[in-house]
């Protein structure tokens, strides 16, 4: 199945170091601005379904910690990096097109 591109928001609408939740084509997506680069992952922790958009962003490691139990995920790949999560979550290709953030699902 081919991926489709979706405009999520304006690049200047998401402050650096923060995440925000969006509904995109039936998927809950957490979008993060990390030092001006944008990353999109599934907006649910694989451990307890916590909203990842509310997580703490570690800019240096390009990772986000679950707001409920602290499991960390790689923002680039969705890979679970620390317990209690043991399964990764979806990560979506992201780019800035003009002044809009676009993801592929």
N, C-alpha and C. Protein backbone atom coordinates (compact mmCIF):
# COMPACT_ATOMS: atom_id res chain seq x y z
N UNK A 1 0.84 -1.18 0.00
CA UNK A 1 0.00 0.00 0.00
C UNK A 1 0.89 1.24 0.00
N UNK A 2 0.63 2.15 -0.88
CA UNK A 2 1.45 3.36 -1.02
C UNK A 2 1.16 4.33 0.11
N UNK A 3 2.21 5.00 0.54
CA UNK A 3 2.06 6.03 1.57
C UNK A 3 1.44 7.28 0.95
N UNK A 4 0.67 7.99 1.78
CA UNK A 4 0.10 9.26 1.34
C UNK A 4 0.65 10.37 2.20
N UNK A 5 0.78 11.57 1.61
CA UNK A 5 1.29 12.74 2.32
C UNK A 5 0.14 13.55 2.89
N UNK A 6 0.33 14.04 4.11
CA UNK A 6 -0.69 14.85 4.79
C UNK A 6 -0.03 16.07 5.42
N UNK A 7 -0.61 17.23 5.18
CA UNK A 7 -0.17 18.44 5.86
C UNK A 7 -0.75 18.38 7.27
N UNK A 8 0.12 18.54 8.28
CA UNK A 8 -0.32 18.43 9.67
C UNK A 8 -0.53 19.80 10.30
N UNK A 9 0.44 20.70 10.11
CA UNK A 9 0.34 22.03 10.69
C UNK A 9 1.39 22.93 10.06
N UNK A 10 1.35 24.19 10.42
CA UNK A 10 2.41 25.12 10.03
C UNK A 10 3.63 24.85 10.92
N UNK A 11 4.81 24.96 10.36
CA UNK A 11 6.03 24.68 11.11
C UNK A 11 6.18 25.62 12.30
N UNK A 12 5.75 26.86 12.18
CA UNK A 12 5.90 27.81 13.28
C UNK A 12 4.82 27.66 14.36
N UNK A 13 3.88 26.73 14.18
CA UNK A 13 2.81 26.53 15.16
C UNK A 13 3.22 25.61 16.31
N UNK A 14 4.32 24.88 16.15
CA UNK A 14 4.76 23.92 17.18
C UNK A 14 6.07 24.40 17.78
N UNK A 15 6.06 24.82 19.05
CA UNK A 15 7.28 25.33 19.69
C UNK A 15 8.36 24.26 19.80
N UNK A 16 9.62 24.69 19.78
CA UNK A 16 10.74 23.76 19.92
C UNK A 16 10.68 23.04 21.26
N UNK A 17 11.02 21.75 21.24
CA UNK A 17 11.05 20.95 22.45
C UNK A 17 9.69 20.47 22.91
N UNK A 18 8.66 20.70 22.10
CA UNK A 18 7.30 20.32 22.48
C UNK A 18 6.71 19.33 21.50
N UNK A 19 5.68 18.63 21.97
CA UNK A 19 4.93 17.72 21.12
C UNK A 19 3.47 18.11 21.11
N UNK A 20 2.78 17.69 20.07
CA UNK A 20 1.35 17.95 19.97
C UNK A 20 0.70 16.77 19.27
N UNK A 21 -0.51 16.45 19.68
CA UNK A 21 -1.24 15.33 19.12
C UNK A 21 -2.13 15.79 17.97
N UNK A 22 -2.17 14.97 16.92
CA UNK A 22 -3.01 15.24 15.75
C UNK A 22 -3.69 13.95 15.33
N UNK A 23 -4.87 14.07 14.75
CA UNK A 23 -5.56 12.95 14.12
C UNK A 23 -5.28 13.08 12.63
N UNK A 24 -4.61 12.09 12.05
CA UNK A 24 -4.24 12.14 10.63
C UNK A 24 -4.67 10.83 9.97
N UNK A 25 -5.60 10.92 9.06
CA UNK A 25 -6.06 9.74 8.31
C UNK A 25 -6.41 8.57 9.22
N UNK A 26 -7.08 8.86 10.32
CA UNK A 26 -7.49 7.82 11.25
C UNK A 26 -6.43 7.35 12.22
N UNK A 27 -5.27 7.99 12.24
CA UNK A 27 -4.17 7.64 13.13
C UNK A 27 -3.94 8.78 14.13
N UNK A 28 -3.72 8.42 15.40
CA UNK A 28 -3.29 9.41 16.39
C UNK A 28 -1.78 9.56 16.24
N UNK A 29 -1.34 10.76 15.93
CA UNK A 29 0.07 11.02 15.67
C UNK A 29 0.58 12.09 16.63
N UNK A 30 1.75 11.84 17.23
CA UNK A 30 2.42 12.83 18.08
C UNK A 30 3.52 13.45 17.23
N UNK A 31 3.44 14.76 17.05
CA UNK A 31 4.42 15.50 16.26
C UNK A 31 5.29 16.32 17.19
N UNK A 32 6.61 16.24 16.99
CA UNK A 32 7.56 16.93 17.87
C UNK A 32 8.46 17.84 17.05
N UNK A 33 8.79 19.00 17.64
CA UNK A 33 9.76 19.92 17.08
C UNK A 33 10.99 19.83 17.97
N UNK A 34 12.06 19.28 17.43
CA UNK A 34 13.30 19.11 18.19
C UNK A 34 14.40 19.89 17.48
N UNK A 35 14.70 21.04 18.02
CA UNK A 35 15.74 21.88 17.43
C UNK A 35 15.45 22.29 16.00
N UNK A 36 14.17 22.45 15.67
CA UNK A 36 13.79 22.84 14.32
C UNK A 36 13.59 21.68 13.36
N UNK A 37 13.86 20.46 13.81
CA UNK A 37 13.57 19.26 13.03
C UNK A 37 12.28 18.65 13.57
N UNK A 38 11.48 18.07 12.68
CA UNK A 38 10.19 17.53 13.08
C UNK A 38 10.19 16.01 12.98
N UNK A 39 9.56 15.39 13.99
CA UNK A 39 9.46 13.94 14.08
C UNK A 39 8.02 13.58 14.40
N UNK A 40 7.53 12.51 13.78
CA UNK A 40 6.16 12.06 14.02
C UNK A 40 6.19 10.58 14.41
N UNK A 41 5.53 10.28 15.53
CA UNK A 41 5.40 8.90 15.99
C UNK A 41 3.95 8.65 16.37
N UNK A 42 3.63 7.40 16.53
CA UNK A 42 2.31 7.01 17.01
C UNK A 42 2.10 7.65 18.38
N UNK A 43 0.91 8.20 18.60
CA UNK A 43 0.65 8.91 19.86
C UNK A 43 0.09 7.97 20.92
N UNK A 44 0.83 6.90 21.18
CA UNK A 44 0.46 5.99 22.27
C UNK A 44 1.68 5.18 22.66
N UNK A 45 1.92 5.12 23.95
CA UNK A 45 3.00 4.29 24.46
C UNK A 45 2.59 2.83 24.31
N UNK A 46 3.51 1.99 23.87
CA UNK A 46 3.20 0.57 23.70
C UNK A 46 3.04 -0.15 25.03
N UNK A 47 3.43 0.46 26.12
CA UNK A 47 3.30 -0.15 27.43
C UNK A 47 1.91 0.05 28.03
N UNK A 48 1.40 1.30 28.02
CA UNK A 48 0.12 1.55 28.70
C UNK A 48 -0.75 2.57 27.97
N UNK A 49 -0.53 2.76 26.67
CA UNK A 49 -1.34 3.66 25.84
C UNK A 49 -1.34 5.12 26.28
N UNK A 50 -0.31 5.57 26.96
CA UNK A 50 -0.20 6.98 27.36
C UNK A 50 -0.02 7.84 26.12
N UNK A 51 -0.48 9.09 26.16
CA UNK A 51 -0.30 9.99 25.02
C UNK A 51 1.15 10.48 24.93
N UNK A 52 1.87 10.03 23.92
CA UNK A 52 3.28 10.38 23.79
C UNK A 52 3.52 11.86 23.51
N UNK A 53 2.53 12.55 22.96
CA UNK A 53 2.68 13.98 22.70
C UNK A 53 2.92 14.76 23.99
N UNK A 54 2.51 14.19 25.13
CA UNK A 54 2.71 14.84 26.43
C UNK A 54 4.04 14.48 27.06
N UNK A 55 4.85 13.66 26.38
CA UNK A 55 6.10 13.18 26.94
C UNK A 55 7.19 14.23 26.98
N UNK A 56 8.23 13.91 27.75
CA UNK A 56 9.40 14.78 27.90
C UNK A 56 10.38 14.49 26.76
N UNK A 57 10.76 15.53 26.04
CA UNK A 57 11.67 15.40 24.90
C UNK A 57 13.11 15.59 25.34
N UNK A 58 13.97 14.65 24.95
CA UNK A 58 15.41 14.77 25.16
C UNK A 58 16.01 15.11 23.80
N UNK A 59 16.35 16.38 23.61
CA UNK A 59 16.84 16.83 22.30
C UNK A 59 18.15 16.15 21.90
N UNK A 60 19.07 15.98 22.84
CA UNK A 60 20.38 15.43 22.51
C UNK A 60 20.28 14.02 21.92
N UNK A 61 19.40 13.20 22.48
CA UNK A 61 19.28 11.82 22.02
C UNK A 61 18.17 11.59 21.04
N UNK A 62 17.45 12.65 20.68
CA UNK A 62 16.28 12.51 19.79
C UNK A 62 15.36 11.41 20.30
N UNK A 63 14.98 11.54 21.58
CA UNK A 63 14.09 10.57 22.19
C UNK A 63 13.03 11.29 22.99
N UNK A 64 11.95 10.56 23.29
CA UNK A 64 10.87 11.10 24.11
C UNK A 64 10.53 10.07 25.18
N UNK A 65 10.29 10.56 26.40
CA UNK A 65 9.93 9.69 27.52
C UNK A 65 8.43 9.73 27.73
N UNK A 66 7.84 8.58 27.91
CA UNK A 66 6.41 8.46 28.19
C UNK A 66 6.07 9.26 29.45
N UNK A 67 4.99 10.05 29.42
CA UNK A 67 4.65 10.87 30.57
C UNK A 67 4.13 10.07 31.77
N UNK A 68 3.73 8.84 31.58
CA UNK A 68 3.18 8.06 32.69
C UNK A 68 4.23 7.22 33.41
N UNK A 69 5.04 6.46 32.70
CA UNK A 69 5.96 5.53 33.34
C UNK A 69 7.42 5.69 32.91
N UNK A 70 7.70 6.66 32.03
CA UNK A 70 9.08 6.98 31.69
C UNK A 70 9.75 6.16 30.61
N UNK A 71 9.04 5.22 29.98
CA UNK A 71 9.65 4.46 28.89
C UNK A 71 10.08 5.44 27.80
N UNK A 72 11.26 5.22 27.24
CA UNK A 72 11.77 6.12 26.22
C UNK A 72 11.71 5.47 24.84
N UNK A 73 11.41 6.33 23.84
CA UNK A 73 11.30 5.90 22.45
C UNK A 73 12.16 6.79 21.57
N UNK A 74 12.76 6.20 20.55
CA UNK A 74 13.54 6.94 19.55
C UNK A 74 12.56 7.68 18.65
N UNK A 75 12.69 8.99 18.55
CA UNK A 75 11.78 9.79 17.73
C UNK A 75 11.95 9.51 16.23
N UNK A 76 13.11 9.03 15.82
CA UNK A 76 13.36 8.77 14.40
C UNK A 76 12.76 7.45 13.94
N UNK A 77 12.76 6.44 14.83
CA UNK A 77 12.36 5.09 14.42
C UNK A 77 11.16 4.53 15.17
N UNK A 78 10.83 5.10 16.34
CA UNK A 78 9.77 4.57 17.18
C UNK A 78 10.22 3.41 18.05
N UNK A 79 11.50 3.04 17.97
CA UNK A 79 12.04 1.92 18.75
C UNK A 79 11.92 2.20 20.24
N UNK A 80 11.46 1.20 21.01
CA UNK A 80 11.44 1.29 22.47
C UNK A 80 12.87 1.17 22.97
N UNK A 81 13.32 2.15 23.76
CA UNK A 81 14.71 2.18 24.22
C UNK A 81 14.88 1.76 25.67
N UNK A 82 13.85 1.94 26.49
CA UNK A 82 13.94 1.59 27.90
C UNK A 82 12.63 0.97 28.39
N UNK A 83 12.72 0.15 29.44
CA UNK A 83 11.51 -0.39 30.05
C UNK A 83 10.71 0.73 30.72
N UNK A 84 9.45 0.55 30.99
CA UNK A 84 8.72 -0.71 30.88
C UNK A 84 8.23 -1.06 29.48
N UNK A 85 8.42 -0.21 28.49
CA UNK A 85 8.00 -0.57 27.13
C UNK A 85 8.98 -1.58 26.55
N UNK A 86 8.44 -2.59 25.88
CA UNK A 86 9.31 -3.57 25.23
C UNK A 86 9.01 -3.68 23.75
N UNK A 87 8.00 -2.97 23.27
CA UNK A 87 7.67 -2.95 21.84
C UNK A 87 7.75 -1.53 21.33
N UNK A 88 8.21 -1.39 20.11
CA UNK A 88 8.27 -0.07 19.48
C UNK A 88 6.90 0.40 19.05
N UNK A 89 6.86 1.63 18.57
CA UNK A 89 5.64 2.22 18.03
C UNK A 89 5.94 2.75 16.62
N UNK A 90 4.91 3.06 15.88
CA UNK A 90 5.10 3.52 14.51
C UNK A 90 5.78 4.89 14.48
N UNK A 91 6.66 5.08 13.50
CA UNK A 91 7.28 6.37 13.22
C UNK A 91 6.95 6.70 11.77
N UNK A 92 6.71 7.98 11.51
CA UNK A 92 6.28 8.39 10.18
C UNK A 92 7.28 9.37 9.57
N UNK A 93 7.61 9.21 8.28
CA UNK A 93 8.49 10.17 7.61
C UNK A 93 7.88 11.57 7.67
N UNK A 94 8.72 12.55 7.96
CA UNK A 94 8.27 13.93 8.16
C UNK A 94 9.19 14.87 7.41
N UNK A 95 8.62 15.92 6.84
CA UNK A 95 9.42 16.95 6.20
C UNK A 95 8.69 18.28 6.26
N UNK A 96 9.44 19.35 6.08
CA UNK A 96 8.86 20.67 6.00
C UNK A 96 8.81 21.05 4.53
N UNK A 97 7.63 21.40 4.08
CA UNK A 97 7.41 21.80 2.69
C UNK A 97 6.91 23.24 2.71
N UNK A 98 7.82 24.16 2.39
CA UNK A 98 7.48 25.59 2.53
C UNK A 98 7.39 25.91 4.00
N UNK A 99 6.21 26.28 4.48
CA UNK A 99 6.03 26.56 5.90
C UNK A 99 5.12 25.53 6.57
N UNK A 100 4.88 24.40 5.89
CA UNK A 100 3.99 23.37 6.43
C UNK A 100 4.75 22.09 6.76
N UNK A 101 4.33 21.44 7.84
CA UNK A 101 4.89 20.14 8.22
C UNK A 101 4.03 19.07 7.56
N UNK A 102 4.68 18.16 6.83
CA UNK A 102 4.01 17.12 6.08
C UNK A 102 4.52 15.78 6.61
N UNK A 103 3.57 14.83 6.82
CA UNK A 103 3.99 13.47 7.19
C UNK A 103 3.43 12.50 6.16
N UNK A 104 4.04 11.33 6.11
CA UNK A 104 3.59 10.26 5.23
C UNK A 104 3.05 9.11 6.07
N UNK A 105 1.87 8.68 5.72
CA UNK A 105 1.25 7.53 6.40
C UNK A 105 0.85 6.53 5.34
